[in-house]
C-alpha cells in the first residue's frame, strides 16, 4: 500500500543468510519503513527504510518482506489496509 509507514518490530530468524543480508544493509529492529510501491508484473516491493540517520530505498523480494514484521504507524489517505 504506497504511502504506508511503520517500524520493524520483529525479524524472522529462520534464514541465517537473510539475517546477514539485512544486517549488512542496516535493516534492523525499530527501523522506519515507508512503502513506495511495487515493481510491475508482481515484482519486488519498493520500500524506503530509515535507520541510524540514513534513509535508502530498497527493492525487496517477497521472501524478504515475509521475514519482516512491521507495526503500522497510522492509516493514510487512500489506505487499503483493513479493507474487505
N, C-alpha and C. Protein backbone atom coordinates (compact mmCIF):
# COMPACT_ATOMS: atom_id res chain seq x y z
N UNK A 1 0.85 -1.17 0.00
CA UNK A 1 0.00 0.00 0.00
C UNK A 1 0.90 1.24 0.00
N UNK A 2 1.14 1.86 -1.15
CA UNK A 2 2.04 3.02 -1.21
C UNK A 2 1.66 4.10 -0.21
N UNK A 3 2.68 4.64 0.46
CA UNK A 3 2.48 5.68 1.45
C UNK A 3 2.35 5.16 2.86
N UNK A 4 2.18 3.86 3.02
CA UNK A 4 2.02 3.30 4.36
C UNK A 4 3.35 3.34 5.11
N UNK A 5 3.30 3.67 6.39
CA UNK A 5 4.52 3.77 7.19
C UNK A 5 4.40 2.92 8.45
N UNK A 6 5.55 2.57 8.99
CA UNK A 6 5.60 1.80 10.22
C UNK A 6 7.03 1.58 10.66
N UNK A 7 7.18 0.71 11.66
CA UNK A 7 8.50 0.37 12.19
C UNK A 7 8.66 -1.15 12.20
N UNK A 8 9.88 -1.60 11.95
CA UNK A 8 10.16 -3.03 12.03
C UNK A 8 10.18 -3.43 13.50
N UNK A 9 9.30 -4.37 13.86
CA UNK A 9 9.21 -4.79 15.26
C UNK A 9 9.73 -6.21 15.49
N UNK A 10 9.88 -6.97 14.40
CA UNK A 10 10.39 -8.33 14.53
C UNK A 10 10.98 -8.76 13.20
N UNK A 11 12.03 -9.59 13.27
CA UNK A 11 12.65 -10.15 12.07
C UNK A 11 12.78 -11.65 12.28
N UNK A 12 12.27 -12.42 11.33
CA UNK A 12 12.36 -13.87 11.43
C UNK A 12 13.83 -14.31 11.44
N UNK A 13 14.12 -15.30 12.28
CA UNK A 13 15.49 -15.80 12.36
C UNK A 13 15.64 -17.16 11.69
N UNK A 14 14.68 -17.52 10.83
CA UNK A 14 14.71 -18.84 10.18
C UNK A 14 15.80 -18.98 9.13
N UNK A 15 16.24 -17.88 8.52
CA UNK A 15 17.21 -17.95 7.43
C UNK A 15 18.46 -17.13 7.81
N UNK A 16 19.54 -17.79 8.23
CA UNK A 16 20.75 -17.07 8.64
C UNK A 16 21.34 -16.19 7.53
N UNK A 17 21.26 -16.65 6.26
CA UNK A 17 21.78 -15.84 5.16
C UNK A 17 20.98 -14.55 5.01
N UNK A 18 19.68 -14.63 5.18
CA UNK A 18 18.84 -13.44 5.10
C UNK A 18 19.14 -12.50 6.26
N UNK A 19 19.33 -13.03 7.44
CA UNK A 19 19.69 -12.19 8.59
C UNK A 19 20.99 -11.45 8.34
N UNK A 20 21.98 -12.13 7.76
CA UNK A 20 23.25 -11.48 7.46
C UNK A 20 23.06 -10.37 6.43
N UNK A 21 22.24 -10.63 5.41
CA UNK A 21 21.96 -9.62 4.39
C UNK A 21 21.30 -8.38 5.02
N UNK A 22 20.26 -8.61 5.82
CA UNK A 22 19.56 -7.50 6.45
C UNK A 22 20.50 -6.70 7.35
N UNK A 23 21.34 -7.38 8.09
CA UNK A 23 22.29 -6.71 8.97
C UNK A 23 23.28 -5.87 8.15
N UNK A 24 23.80 -6.43 7.07
CA UNK A 24 24.75 -5.71 6.22
C UNK A 24 24.12 -4.46 5.60
N UNK A 25 22.82 -4.52 5.32
CA UNK A 25 22.10 -3.38 4.73
C UNK A 25 21.54 -2.44 5.80
N UNK A 26 21.81 -2.73 7.06
CA UNK A 26 21.32 -1.93 8.20
C UNK A 26 19.79 -1.88 8.24
N UNK A 27 19.17 -3.00 7.90
CA UNK A 27 17.72 -3.15 8.05
C UNK A 27 17.52 -3.88 9.37
N UNK A 28 17.24 -3.12 10.42
CA UNK A 28 17.24 -3.63 11.78
C UNK A 28 15.92 -3.34 12.48
N UNK A 29 15.78 -3.90 13.68
CA UNK A 29 14.62 -3.59 14.51
C UNK A 29 14.51 -2.09 14.74
N UNK A 30 13.29 -1.60 14.80
CA UNK A 30 12.95 -0.20 15.03
C UNK A 30 13.23 0.71 13.85
N UNK A 31 13.71 0.17 12.73
CA UNK A 31 13.90 1.00 11.54
C UNK A 31 12.54 1.47 11.04
N UNK A 32 12.49 2.70 10.56
CA UNK A 32 11.27 3.26 9.99
C UNK A 32 11.13 2.78 8.55
N UNK A 33 9.91 2.39 8.17
CA UNK A 33 9.64 1.84 6.84
C UNK A 33 8.51 2.63 6.20
N UNK A 34 8.67 2.97 4.92
CA UNK A 34 7.59 3.55 4.13
C UNK A 34 7.48 2.76 2.84
N UNK A 35 6.28 2.32 2.52
CA UNK A 35 6.06 1.61 1.26
C UNK A 35 5.99 2.64 0.14
N UNK A 36 6.85 2.46 -0.86
CA UNK A 36 6.89 3.34 -2.02
C UNK A 36 5.99 2.79 -3.13
N UNK A 37 6.02 1.49 -3.33
CA UNK A 37 5.20 0.86 -4.37
C UNK A 37 5.70 -0.54 -4.66
N UNK A 38 5.27 -1.07 -5.77
CA UNK A 38 5.70 -2.41 -6.19
C UNK A 38 6.13 -2.34 -7.65
N UNK A 39 7.20 -3.05 -7.96
CA UNK A 39 7.65 -3.14 -9.35
C UNK A 39 6.57 -3.85 -10.16
N UNK A 40 6.49 -3.57 -11.47
CA UNK A 40 5.44 -4.17 -12.29
C UNK A 40 5.51 -5.69 -12.38
N UNK A 41 4.39 -6.28 -12.73
CA UNK A 41 4.27 -7.71 -13.02
C UNK A 41 4.65 -8.57 -11.82
N UNK A 42 4.19 -8.18 -10.64
CA UNK A 42 4.44 -8.96 -9.43
C UNK A 42 5.87 -8.86 -8.93
N UNK A 43 6.54 -7.79 -9.29
CA UNK A 43 7.94 -7.60 -8.89
C UNK A 43 8.11 -7.24 -7.43
N UNK A 44 9.31 -6.82 -7.12
CA UNK A 44 9.70 -6.52 -5.74
C UNK A 44 8.89 -5.37 -5.16
N UNK A 45 8.76 -5.39 -3.83
CA UNK A 45 8.15 -4.29 -3.10
C UNK A 45 9.24 -3.23 -2.90
N UNK A 46 8.93 -1.99 -3.25
CA UNK A 46 9.89 -0.90 -3.09
C UNK A 46 9.57 -0.20 -1.78
N UNK A 47 10.55 -0.16 -0.88
CA UNK A 47 10.36 0.46 0.43
C UNK A 47 11.49 1.44 0.70
N UNK A 48 11.17 2.45 1.49
CA UNK A 48 12.16 3.42 1.96
C UNK A 48 12.39 3.11 3.43
N UNK A 49 13.63 2.85 3.79
CA UNK A 49 13.96 2.48 5.17
C UNK A 49 14.92 3.50 5.75
N UNK A 50 14.54 4.01 6.93
CA UNK A 50 15.38 4.97 7.65
C UNK A 50 15.87 4.31 8.92
N UNK A 51 17.19 4.33 9.10
CA UNK A 51 17.79 3.71 10.27
C UNK A 51 19.15 4.34 10.51
N UNK A 52 19.44 4.64 11.75
CA UNK A 52 20.73 5.21 12.14
C UNK A 52 21.05 6.48 11.35
N UNK A 53 20.02 7.32 11.14
CA UNK A 53 20.23 8.60 10.47
C UNK A 53 20.42 8.51 8.97
N UNK A 54 20.15 7.37 8.40
CA UNK A 54 20.35 7.15 6.96
C UNK A 54 19.06 6.62 6.35
N UNK A 55 18.66 7.17 5.19
CA UNK A 55 17.45 6.74 4.51
C UNK A 55 17.82 6.23 3.12
N UNK A 56 17.35 5.01 2.80
CA UNK A 56 17.63 4.42 1.49
C UNK A 56 16.41 3.67 0.99
N UNK A 57 16.32 3.56 -0.34
CA UNK A 57 15.25 2.79 -0.96
C UNK A 57 15.77 1.39 -1.28
N UNK A 58 14.90 0.40 -1.09
CA UNK A 58 15.24 -0.99 -1.35
C UNK A 58 14.14 -1.62 -2.20
N UNK A 59 14.52 -2.51 -3.10
CA UNK A 59 13.58 -3.37 -3.82
C UNK A 59 13.65 -4.72 -3.13
N UNK A 60 12.63 -5.07 -2.36
CA UNK A 60 12.66 -6.29 -1.55
C UNK A 60 11.76 -7.37 -2.13
N UNK A 61 12.33 -8.55 -2.31
CA UNK A 61 11.57 -9.71 -2.78
C UNK A 61 10.58 -10.14 -1.70
N UNK A 62 9.56 -10.87 -2.10
CA UNK A 62 8.55 -11.34 -1.15
C UNK A 62 9.17 -12.17 -0.03
N UNK A 63 10.22 -12.94 -0.33
CA UNK A 63 10.89 -13.73 0.70
C UNK A 63 11.45 -12.84 1.81
N UNK A 64 11.94 -11.67 1.43
CA UNK A 64 12.49 -10.74 2.42
C UNK A 64 11.36 -10.08 3.21
N UNK A 65 10.34 -9.59 2.51
CA UNK A 65 9.26 -8.90 3.22
C UNK A 65 8.51 -9.84 4.15
N UNK A 66 8.43 -11.13 3.80
CA UNK A 66 7.75 -12.10 4.67
C UNK A 66 8.49 -12.29 5.98
N UNK A 67 9.77 -11.96 6.02
CA UNK A 67 10.58 -12.13 7.23
C UNK A 67 10.53 -10.91 8.14
N UNK A 68 9.90 -9.83 7.68
CA UNK A 68 9.85 -8.59 8.46
C UNK A 68 8.44 -8.35 8.99
N UNK A 69 8.34 -8.11 10.29
CA UNK A 69 7.07 -7.70 10.89
C UNK A 69 7.15 -6.19 11.08
N UNK A 70 6.16 -5.50 10.54
CA UNK A 70 6.13 -4.04 10.62
C UNK A 70 4.86 -3.61 11.34
N UNK A 71 5.02 -2.78 12.37
CA UNK A 71 3.87 -2.21 13.07
C UNK A 71 3.51 -0.91 12.39
N UNK A 72 2.27 -0.80 11.91
CA UNK A 72 1.82 0.38 11.20
C UNK A 72 1.74 1.58 12.12
N UNK A 73 2.18 2.74 11.60
CA UNK A 73 2.07 3.99 12.36
C UNK A 73 0.62 4.45 12.43
N UNK A 74 -0.01 4.55 11.27
CA UNK A 74 -1.39 5.03 11.19
C UNK A 74 -1.87 4.90 9.75
N UNK A 75 -3.19 4.91 9.53
CA UNK A 75 -3.70 4.91 8.16
C UNK A 75 -3.35 6.22 7.46
N UNK A 76 -3.37 6.22 6.15
CA UNK A 76 -3.06 7.41 5.37
C UNK A 76 -4.11 7.57 4.28
N UNK A 77 -4.06 8.68 3.58
CA UNK A 77 -5.03 8.92 2.50
C UNK A 77 -4.97 7.78 1.49
N UNK A 78 -6.10 7.18 1.19
CA UNK A 78 -6.16 6.09 0.24
C UNK A 78 -5.72 4.74 0.79
N UNK A 79 -5.55 4.64 2.09
CA UNK A 79 -5.07 3.40 2.72
C UNK A 79 -6.07 2.28 2.47
N UNK A 80 -5.53 1.11 2.07
CA UNK A 80 -6.39 -0.05 1.83
C UNK A 80 -6.20 -1.12 2.88
N UNK A 81 -5.31 -0.90 3.83
CA UNK A 81 -5.11 -1.88 4.89
C UNK A 81 -6.39 -2.04 5.69
N UNK A 82 -6.81 -3.25 5.87
CA UNK A 82 -8.02 -3.49 6.65
C UNK A 82 -9.30 -3.45 5.84
N UNK A 83 -9.20 -3.05 4.55
CA UNK A 83 -10.40 -3.07 3.71
C UNK A 83 -10.80 -4.51 3.42
N UNK A 84 -12.07 -4.74 3.32
CA UNK A 84 -12.54 -6.10 2.99
C UNK A 84 -12.73 -6.25 1.52
